[in-house]
Amino acid sequence: MDTTRFIIFFSILTAIFIALEVYTLFNWHKFVNKQNLQKKWYKVPKYISILLLAASTFSMFSSLFMGVNNKLRYITMFLIALWILPKIAIVPILLIKDISRTFLALVRKLSSKRIDVVDDKRRKIIETSAWTLASIPFFIVSKGLFSTTNDFTVRNAEIYLPDLPKNLDGLKIVQLSDLHLGSFYDYTSFQEVKRLTNNLKPDILVITGDFVNSKPSELKANYSDLQSLRADIGIFSCLGNHDHYMKDYEHKTLLKAINDAGSNLLINRSERLIINNSPLNIVGIDNLGMRQGFGDLNKAFENVNEEEISVLLCHDPTNWDLNIRNKYPADLTLSGHTHGGQVAWEFNGYEFKPAKFIYRQSEGLYKNGNNQLYVNRGIGTVGPPLRIGVKPEITEIILKA
C-alpha cells in the first residue's frame, strides 16, 4: 500500500469528520441552550465525538502499520459509522436552516419595518421538530449496520449470447466478488455465503477480485470455507485493487493461499475448457484501474480463438468501456469493484444511487452489440462496515443460446 497516499486520504477524511462534528455540535449547543436543557445534553455528544475521533485515528493507523484487523477494530468502525454517517444527511438540513435564518436577518436589518416571520414559541416548536426528524438517519444507518450488511442475496441473470453453442445452453456460472474477508465481524458471515453458493450447485464458480482488504492474514478465519467452495467444472478467479495493497512478500503469500484453496487464479492468462464437446474460454486479468496497471489484456487473450465463446474476469468495470468492448473477443465480462455503492435510497418508487454518478456501469447487466458486462455488488464492505439499500450479492448466471 502507498503509505503517503493513505495518510493524505485519511487526513482528508478526518478533516471532513471534524467539520461535520463541529458544525453539528455547534447547532446542537444552541438548541440545548434555547430549550434550557441540562449541559449534559451537549457535553455527552461532544465527548463521544472526541473519543471516536481518537479511536478512528488509532484504528486506521494500527491497521496500516501493525496489521491489526480484529473485532475491536470492527466495533470501532461500526460505532464511527453509526455516529458520523447520519450527519451527512443532517448537515444539509442545518445548512438550509442557517442560510434561511441569515437571509431573514439580513432582510430585517435592511427593512424599515420590523419583520417577525416566526415568533419565539413557534420557532422552538419548529426547531424541536427538526431535531426529531434529524434522528431518522440514525435509524436508517442502524438498519444497514444490523441487517442489510449481512443479508446475502442471490440475484439471477439469464444472459443470452448469440454465438453460444447449443451444448453450452443452460451452463450455470455463479459469481462472487469483493469478498473483503477482513471486513466481517466474525467467520460466520462468510460461512453463510459458502452455504448459499454451494446450494446453487454451479457448473463454474468465479471470484472477481478483492479477496482481502490489505493483508493475506484476513483469509485465515474463513480459509477452510474458501477451500469448501464447490463447482462441478472448476473455480476461477482474478485479482482486485485491494489484493495489491500490501508488501510484495505479502502479495506472494496471498497468491499462494488463493491457489492452494482450490481457485484457479488467472493473472493475465486464459483457460480453455471443453464442456459437452464445446469450447469455452475463461480469461482473467490482473487489476487495471485505481492507478494500478497490473492487467495485460493482450497477454490474457493471446491464446484465445476469437471464434470461441470467452468469459472475461476483470475486477474493475470501467475497463469495459475503456479497454475491452469492441477491442477484445470478450462475449461476457464479469466485474465487481463498485459494491453497488454500498449505499442507496428508495423513496416513493424513486431510487437514488450515488454509485451511478461515479460509475457508468455500477451494478447489474449491460449490453453493447454482442458484448455484455455484468457487475456484481460484492460480498464485503470497504470503509464503514455497512450497506444501506444495497444488499451483498451472489450472482447466479445462466448462459442461454
Protein backbone atom coordinates (compact mmCIF):
# COMPACT_ATOMS: atom_id res chain seq x y z
CA MET A 1 0.00 0.00 0.00
CA ASP A 2 1.19 3.56 -0.75
CA THR A 3 1.58 4.86 2.81
CA THR A 4 1.84 8.52 1.78
CA ARG A 5 -1.37 8.37 -0.25
CA PHE A 6 -3.12 6.58 2.60
CA ILE A 7 -2.10 9.25 5.11
CA ILE A 8 -3.26 12.04 2.77
CA PHE A 9 -6.55 10.26 2.14
CA PHE A 10 -7.13 9.59 5.83
CA SER A 11 -6.23 13.20 6.72
CA ILE A 12 -8.87 14.47 4.29
CA LEU A 13 -11.46 12.09 5.77
CA THR A 14 -10.53 13.22 9.28
CA ALA A 15 -10.92 16.88 8.27
CA ILE A 16 -14.39 16.11 6.90
CA PHE A 17 -15.22 14.18 10.08
CA ILE A 18 -14.18 17.14 12.25
CA ALA A 19 -16.05 19.67 10.09
CA LEU A 20 -19.28 17.66 10.27
CA GLU A 21 -18.94 17.18 14.01
CA VAL A 22 -18.08 20.79 14.83
CA TYR A 23 -20.93 22.19 12.74
CA THR A 24 -23.49 19.72 14.10
CA LEU A 25 -22.37 20.21 17.72
CA PHE A 26 -22.44 24.00 17.29
CA ASN A 27 -26.10 23.85 16.20
CA TRP A 28 -26.93 21.30 18.90
CA HIS A 29 -25.34 23.51 21.55
CA LYS A 30 -27.52 26.45 20.51
CA PHE A 31 -30.62 24.25 20.57
CA VAL A 32 -29.80 22.90 24.06
CA ASN A 33 -29.36 26.44 25.38
CA LYS A 34 -32.61 27.67 23.84
CA GLN A 35 -34.52 24.73 25.29
CA ASN A 36 -32.93 25.34 28.72
CA LEU A 37 -31.79 21.73 28.84
CA GLN A 38 -29.10 20.50 31.19
CA LYS A 39 -25.50 20.91 29.95
CA LYS A 40 -25.00 17.14 29.85
CA TRP A 41 -27.21 17.04 26.73
CA TYR A 42 -24.44 18.89 24.93
CA LYS A 43 -21.36 17.63 26.77
CA VAL A 44 -22.07 13.92 26.25
CA PRO A 45 -22.23 14.15 22.40
CA LYS A 46 -19.09 16.32 22.45
CA TYR A 47 -17.14 13.74 24.43
CA ILE A 48 -18.42 10.93 22.19
CA SER A 49 -17.15 12.82 19.13
CA ILE A 50 -13.69 13.35 20.66
CA LEU A 51 -13.47 9.71 21.75
CA LEU A 52 -14.50 8.37 18.33
CA LEU A 53 -12.09 10.68 16.52
CA ALA A 54 -9.24 9.33 18.66
CA ALA A 55 -10.44 5.74 18.19
CA SER A 56 -10.75 6.23 14.42
CA THR A 57 -7.20 7.56 14.16
CA PHE A 58 -5.79 4.70 16.22
CA SER A 59 -7.81 2.11 14.28
CA MET A 60 -6.70 3.29 10.85
CA PHE A 61 -3.01 3.62 11.68
CA SER A 62 -2.86 0.36 13.63
CA SER A 63 -4.34 -1.39 10.62
CA LEU A 64 -1.78 0.20 8.30
CA PHE A 65 1.41 -0.08 10.35
CA MET A 66 0.72 -3.01 12.70
CA GLY A 67 -1.63 -5.12 10.63
CA VAL A 68 -4.26 -5.08 13.36
CA ASN A 69 -7.56 -6.27 11.98
CA ASN A 70 -9.74 -7.75 14.70
CA LYS A 71 -13.10 -7.48 16.41
CA LEU A 72 -12.04 -4.35 18.30
CA ARG A 73 -11.30 -2.57 15.02
CA TYR A 74 -14.59 -3.78 13.55
CA ILE A 75 -16.56 -2.50 16.56
CA THR A 76 -14.72 0.83 16.34
CA MET A 77 -15.61 1.22 12.67
CA PHE A 78 -19.17 0.16 13.47
CA LEU A 79 -19.57 2.88 16.11
CA ILE A 80 -17.94 5.53 13.92
CA ALA A 81 -20.31 4.68 11.06
CA LEU A 82 -23.32 4.78 13.37
CA TRP A 83 -22.27 8.16 14.77
CA ILE A 84 -20.88 10.05 11.76
CA LEU A 85 -22.77 8.85 8.67
CA PRO A 86 -26.18 10.25 9.72
CA LYS A 87 -24.52 13.69 9.90
CA ILE A 88 -24.17 13.61 6.12
CA ALA A 89 -27.98 13.80 5.96
CA ILE A 90 -28.38 16.13 8.95
CA VAL A 91 -25.85 18.80 7.95
CA PRO A 92 -27.62 19.85 4.70
CA ILE A 93 -30.82 20.42 6.74
CA LEU A 94 -28.90 22.55 9.23
CA LEU A 95 -27.26 24.49 6.40
CA ILE A 96 -30.64 25.31 4.87
CA LYS A 97 -31.86 26.45 8.29
CA ASP A 98 -28.83 28.66 8.92
CA ILE A 99 -28.81 30.15 5.42
CA SER A 100 -32.54 30.92 5.69
CA ARG A 101 -32.08 32.49 9.12
CA THR A 102 -29.16 34.60 7.86
CA PHE A 103 -31.20 35.75 4.88
CA LEU A 104 -34.17 36.72 7.06
CA ALA A 105 -31.89 38.55 9.49
CA LEU A 106 -30.44 40.49 6.57
CA VAL A 107 -33.94 41.35 5.31
CA ARG A 108 -34.94 42.57 8.76
CA LYS A 109 -31.83 44.70 9.02
CA LEU A 110 -32.38 46.32 5.63
CA SER A 111 -36.14 46.75 6.04
CA SER A 112 -37.57 49.89 7.66
CA LYS A 113 -40.33 47.79 9.21
CA ARG A 114 -39.90 45.05 11.78
CA ILE A 115 -40.47 41.61 10.24
CA ASP A 116 -41.40 38.77 12.55
CA VAL A 117 -41.78 35.74 10.38
CA VAL A 118 -41.93 33.26 13.26
CA ASP A 119 -42.39 34.08 16.93
CA ASP A 120 -40.15 32.54 19.59
CA LYS A 121 -42.68 29.91 20.70
CA ARG A 122 -43.32 28.63 17.20
CA ARG A 123 -39.60 28.77 16.44
CA LYS A 124 -38.89 26.44 19.34
CA ILE A 125 -41.55 24.01 18.11
CA ILE A 126 -40.06 24.06 14.60
CA GLU A 127 -36.51 23.52 15.87
CA THR A 128 -37.62 20.67 18.15
CA SER A 129 -39.43 19.02 15.23
CA ALA A 130 -36.38 19.48 13.00
CA TRP A 131 -34.05 17.79 15.50
CA THR A 132 -36.58 15.00 15.97
CA LEU A 133 -36.63 14.40 12.21
CA ALA A 134 -32.83 14.52 12.25
CA SER A 135 -32.85 11.32 14.29
CA ILE A 136 -34.29 9.40 11.30
CA PRO A 137 -30.87 8.98 9.58
CA PHE A 138 -29.58 7.26 12.74
CA PHE A 139 -32.31 4.62 12.42
CA ILE A 140 -31.58 4.18 8.70
CA VAL A 141 -27.86 3.68 9.32
CA SER A 142 -28.59 1.33 12.23
CA LYS A 143 -30.76 -0.82 9.99
CA GLY A 144 -27.96 -1.02 7.41
CA LEU A 145 -25.43 -1.98 10.06
CA PHE A 146 -27.56 -4.61 11.76
CA SER A 147 -29.42 -6.20 8.84
CA THR A 148 -28.64 -5.23 5.21
CA THR A 149 -24.87 -5.65 5.50
CA ASN A 150 -25.12 -9.42 6.00
CA ASP A 151 -28.33 -10.03 4.08
CA PHE A 152 -26.64 -12.07 1.35
CA THR A 153 -28.93 -12.23 -1.67
CA VAL A 154 -28.88 -14.44 -4.75
CA ARG A 155 -29.58 -12.47 -7.93
CA ASN A 156 -30.48 -14.40 -11.05
CA ALA A 157 -29.43 -13.38 -14.55
CA GLU A 158 -30.18 -15.18 -17.81
CA ILE A 159 -27.61 -13.93 -20.28
CA TYR A 160 -28.15 -14.61 -23.98
CA LEU A 161 -25.01 -14.97 -26.07
CA PRO A 162 -25.74 -15.04 -29.83
CA ASP A 163 -22.87 -17.37 -30.70
CA LEU A 164 -23.18 -19.70 -27.72
CA PRO A 165 -23.06 -23.37 -28.84
CA LYS A 166 -26.23 -25.27 -28.03
CA ASN A 167 -24.14 -27.69 -25.97
CA LEU A 168 -23.45 -24.82 -23.55
CA ASP A 169 -27.05 -23.64 -23.32
CA GLY A 170 -28.04 -23.61 -19.65
CA LEU A 171 -24.47 -23.55 -18.31
CA LYS A 172 -24.55 -22.13 -14.78
CA ILE A 173 -21.86 -19.68 -13.68
CA VAL A 174 -22.02 -18.41 -10.10
CA GLN A 175 -20.13 -15.19 -9.41
CA LEU A 176 -18.76 -13.92 -6.12
CA SER A 177 -16.88 -10.65 -5.90
CA ASP A 178 -15.22 -8.33 -3.40
CA LEU A 179 -15.11 -10.80 -0.53
CA HIS A 180 -13.12 -8.34 1.61
CA LEU A 181 -12.83 -11.02 4.25
CA GLY A 182 -11.23 -8.57 6.67
CA SER A 183 -14.46 -6.54 6.79
CA PHE A 184 -16.56 -9.10 8.68
CA TYR A 185 -17.08 -9.20 12.43
CA ASP A 186 -16.51 -12.95 12.58
CA TYR A 187 -16.23 -16.05 10.41
CA THR A 188 -19.96 -16.93 10.40
CA SER A 189 -20.89 -14.35 7.74
CA PHE A 190 -18.81 -15.95 5.01
CA GLN A 191 -19.97 -19.38 6.10
CA GLU A 192 -23.45 -18.30 5.03
CA VAL A 193 -22.03 -17.15 1.68
CA LYS A 194 -20.41 -20.57 1.24
CA ARG A 195 -23.68 -22.33 2.07
CA LEU A 196 -25.74 -20.27 -0.39
CA THR A 197 -23.10 -20.62 -3.11
CA ASN A 198 -22.75 -24.39 -2.83
CA ASN A 199 -26.54 -24.83 -2.70
CA LEU A 200 -26.71 -23.25 -6.17
CA LYS A 201 -24.57 -26.16 -7.47
CA PRO A 202 -22.62 -24.10 -10.03
CA ASP A 203 -21.03 -25.60 -13.09
CA ILE A 204 -18.38 -22.88 -12.85
CA LEU A 205 -17.67 -20.59 -9.90
CA VAL A 206 -15.82 -17.30 -10.45
CA ILE A 207 -14.47 -14.82 -7.91
CA THR A 208 -13.74 -11.41 -9.41
CA GLY A 209 -11.17 -9.91 -7.06
CA ASP A 210 -10.63 -8.21 -3.73
CA PHE A 211 -10.31 -11.30 -1.57
CA VAL A 212 -8.99 -9.15 1.28
CA ASN A 213 -8.74 -5.51 2.33
CA SER A 214 -4.97 -5.22 2.79
CA LYS A 215 -3.49 -8.32 4.47
CA PRO A 216 -3.29 -12.01 3.46
CA SER A 217 -3.91 -12.88 7.12
CA GLU A 218 -7.53 -11.79 6.62
CA LEU A 219 -8.10 -15.11 4.82
CA LYS A 220 -7.29 -17.09 7.93
CA ALA A 221 -10.68 -17.08 9.68
CA ASN A 222 -12.51 -18.33 6.58
CA TYR A 223 -9.78 -20.24 4.76
CA SER A 224 -11.47 -23.60 5.29
CA ASP A 225 -14.67 -22.11 3.86
CA LEU A 226 -12.80 -20.93 0.75
CA GLN A 227 -11.49 -24.46 0.38
CA SER A 228 -15.02 -25.82 0.75
CA LEU A 229 -16.48 -23.88 -2.18
CA ARG A 230 -17.57 -26.29 -4.91
CA ALA A 231 -18.19 -26.17 -8.67
CA ASP A 232 -18.57 -29.15 -11.00
CA ILE A 233 -16.19 -27.87 -13.68
CA GLY A 234 -13.92 -25.55 -11.74
CA ILE A 235 -13.34 -22.39 -9.72
CA PHE A 236 -11.62 -19.43 -11.39
CA SER A 237 -10.64 -16.03 -10.06
CA CYS A 238 -8.87 -12.77 -10.78
CA LEU A 239 -7.30 -10.12 -8.54
CA GLY A 240 -8.66 -6.74 -7.47
CA ASN A 241 -7.05 -3.49 -6.39
CA HIS A 242 -7.16 -4.37 -2.67
CA ASP A 243 -5.26 -7.58 -3.36
CA HIS A 244 -2.25 -5.35 -4.12
CA TYR A 245 -2.48 -3.04 -1.08
CA MET A 246 0.33 -4.85 0.72
CA LYS A 247 4.05 -5.58 0.61
CA ASP A 248 5.50 -7.81 -2.11
CA TYR A 249 6.08 -10.81 0.14
CA GLU A 250 2.52 -10.50 1.50
CA HIS A 251 1.17 -10.37 -2.05
CA LYS A 252 3.01 -13.59 -2.93
CA THR A 253 1.60 -15.21 0.22
CA LEU A 254 -1.89 -14.17 -0.85
CA LEU A 255 -1.50 -15.61 -4.36
CA LYS A 256 -0.30 -18.94 -2.99
CA ALA A 257 -3.16 -19.08 -0.48
CA ILE A 258 -5.78 -18.41 -3.17
CA ASN A 259 -4.42 -21.11 -5.46
CA ASP A 260 -3.98 -23.59 -2.61
CA ALA A 261 -7.62 -23.01 -1.61
CA GLY A 262 -8.66 -24.56 -4.93
CA SER A 263 -9.25 -21.43 -7.00
CA ASN A 264 -7.54 -21.28 -10.39
CA LEU A 265 -6.15 -17.75 -10.24
CA LEU A 266 -5.97 -16.24 -13.73
CA ILE A 267 -3.37 -13.48 -13.86
CA ASN A 268 -3.27 -12.22 -17.45
CA ARG A 269 -3.94 -15.66 -18.89
CA SER A 270 -6.77 -17.90 -20.05
CA GLU A 271 -8.03 -21.44 -19.58
CA ARG A 272 -9.72 -23.26 -22.48
CA LEU A 273 -12.40 -25.63 -21.25
CA ILE A 274 -14.17 -28.32 -23.25
CA ILE A 275 -17.74 -28.72 -21.96
CA ASN A 276 -20.11 -31.14 -23.68
CA ASN A 277 -17.67 -31.20 -26.62
CA SER A 278 -17.82 -27.38 -26.97
CA PRO A 279 -15.04 -24.91 -26.11
CA LEU A 280 -15.36 -22.13 -23.55
CA ASN A 281 -12.52 -19.76 -22.67
CA ILE A 282 -12.24 -18.33 -19.16
CA VAL A 283 -9.93 -15.31 -19.31
CA GLY A 284 -8.62 -13.37 -16.33
CA ILE A 285 -6.61 -10.18 -15.96
CA ASP A 286 -4.81 -8.66 -13.01
CA ASN A 287 -6.18 -5.37 -11.73
CA LEU A 288 -6.28 -2.49 -14.17
CA GLY A 289 -7.53 0.74 -12.60
CA MET A 290 -7.26 2.70 -9.33
CA ARG A 291 -3.80 3.81 -10.50
CA GLN A 292 -2.77 0.20 -10.91
CA GLY A 293 -1.59 -1.15 -14.24
CA PHE A 294 -1.04 -4.81 -13.49
CA GLY A 295 -3.57 -6.04 -16.04
CA ASP A 296 -2.43 -7.05 -19.55
CA LEU A 297 -5.30 -7.79 -21.93
CA ASN A 298 -3.02 -8.60 -24.86
CA LYS A 299 -1.27 -11.28 -22.86
CA ALA A 300 -4.53 -12.61 -21.43
CA PHE A 301 -6.10 -13.09 -24.87
CA GLU A 302 -3.01 -14.23 -26.79
CA ASN A 303 -4.11 -17.90 -26.86
CA VAL A 304 -7.84 -17.24 -27.30
CA ASN A 305 -9.60 -18.19 -30.53
CA GLU A 306 -11.90 -15.30 -31.47
CA GLU A 307 -14.42 -17.75 -32.91
CA GLU A 308 -14.97 -19.35 -29.49
CA ILE A 309 -17.02 -18.02 -26.59
CA SER A 310 -14.96 -16.19 -23.97
CA VAL A 311 -15.86 -15.07 -20.45
CA LEU A 312 -13.51 -12.42 -19.07
CA LEU A 313 -12.91 -11.89 -15.35
CA CYS A 314 -11.98 -8.24 -14.84
CA HIS A 315 -12.35 -6.69 -11.40
CA ASP A 316 -12.88 -3.04 -12.41
CA PRO A 317 -15.89 -2.50 -14.76
CA THR A 318 -14.58 0.85 -16.04
CA ASN A 319 -12.30 -1.22 -18.29
CA TRP A 320 -15.31 -2.42 -20.29
CA ASP A 321 -15.76 0.96 -21.98
CA LEU A 322 -12.12 1.98 -21.90
CA ASN A 323 -10.26 -1.16 -22.91
CA ILE A 324 -12.45 -4.18 -23.64
CA ARG A 325 -15.62 -3.95 -25.71
CA ASN A 326 -15.11 -3.90 -29.48
CA LYS A 327 -11.37 -4.40 -28.87
CA TYR A 328 -11.13 -7.93 -27.45
CA PRO A 329 -13.27 -11.03 -28.05
CA ALA A 330 -14.91 -11.00 -24.63
CA ASP A 331 -18.50 -12.11 -25.14
CA LEU A 332 -19.23 -11.64 -21.44
CA THR A 333 -17.20 -9.65 -18.92
CA LEU A 334 -17.74 -10.26 -15.22
CA SER A 335 -16.72 -7.49 -12.81
CA GLY A 336 -17.22 -6.20 -9.29
CA HIS A 337 -15.36 -3.37 -7.53
CA THR A 338 -18.28 -0.90 -7.20
CA HIS A 339 -20.10 -2.65 -4.31
CA GLY A 340 -23.18 -1.06 -5.87
CA GLY A 341 -22.06 1.98 -3.92
CA GLN A 342 -22.90 0.23 -0.60
CA VAL A 343 -25.49 2.98 -0.01
CA ALA A 344 -28.69 3.76 -1.91
CA TRP A 345 -32.11 5.13 -1.07
CA GLU A 346 -35.55 4.42 -2.44
CA PHE A 347 -38.48 6.73 -1.80
CA ASN A 348 -41.94 6.58 -3.37
CA GLY A 349 -40.64 4.50 -6.27
CA TYR A 350 -37.64 6.76 -6.91
CA GLU A 351 -34.15 5.36 -6.46
CA PHE A 352 -31.14 7.45 -5.55
CA LYS A 353 -27.89 5.57 -6.12
CA PRO A 354 -24.74 7.66 -5.66
CA ALA A 355 -22.66 4.95 -7.37
CA LYS A 356 -24.31 5.83 -10.69
CA PHE A 357 -22.66 9.25 -10.55
CA ILE A 358 -19.25 7.61 -10.20
CA TYR A 359 -19.54 4.51 -12.39
CA ARG A 360 -21.25 4.36 -15.75
CA GLN A 361 -21.78 0.65 -15.06
CA SER A 362 -22.38 0.33 -11.32
CA GLU A 363 -24.37 -2.93 -10.95
CA GLY A 364 -26.28 -5.47 -13.00
CA LEU A 365 -26.22 -6.33 -16.72
CA TYR A 366 -25.11 -4.04 -19.56
CA LYS A 367 -25.12 -4.69 -23.30
CA ASN A 368 -23.40 -3.18 -26.31
CA GLY A 369 -23.80 -5.14 -29.50
CA ASN A 370 -22.51 -8.65 -28.88
CA ASN A 371 -20.51 -7.51 -25.84
CA GLN A 372 -22.06 -7.85 -22.39
CA LEU A 373 -20.97 -6.88 -18.89
CA TYR A 374 -22.29 -7.99 -15.53
CA VAL A 375 -21.28 -6.00 -12.42
CA ASN A 376 -21.67 -7.83 -9.12
CA ARG A 377 -22.41 -5.75 -5.98
CA GLY A 378 -19.93 -7.74 -3.90
CA ILE A 379 -19.99 -9.57 -0.59
CA GLY A 380 -17.94 -7.49 1.84
CA THR A 381 -17.52 -3.79 2.53
CA VAL A 382 -14.83 -1.13 2.44
CA GLY A 383 -14.67 1.66 4.99
CA PRO A 384 -17.76 1.71 7.21
CA PRO A 385 -18.95 -1.91 7.66
CA LEU A 386 -22.44 -1.24 6.37
CA ARG A 387 -24.74 -1.35 3.40
CA ILE A 388 -27.91 0.71 3.11
CA GLY A 389 -30.33 -0.30 0.37
CA VAL A 390 -27.63 -2.35 -1.41
CA LYS A 391 -27.64 -5.98 -0.34
CA PRO A 392 -24.48 -8.08 -0.78
CA GLU A 393 -24.80 -10.28 -3.84
CA ILE A 394 -24.21 -13.79 -5.07
CA THR A 395 -24.96 -13.93 -8.79
CA GLU A 396 -26.41 -17.00 -10.49
CA ILE A 397 -25.81 -16.60 -14.23
CA ILE A 398 -27.42 -18.95 -16.73
CA LEU A 399 -25.92 -18.79 -20.23
CA LYS A 400 -28.54 -19.02 -22.97
CA ALA A 401 -28.06 -19.60 -26.69
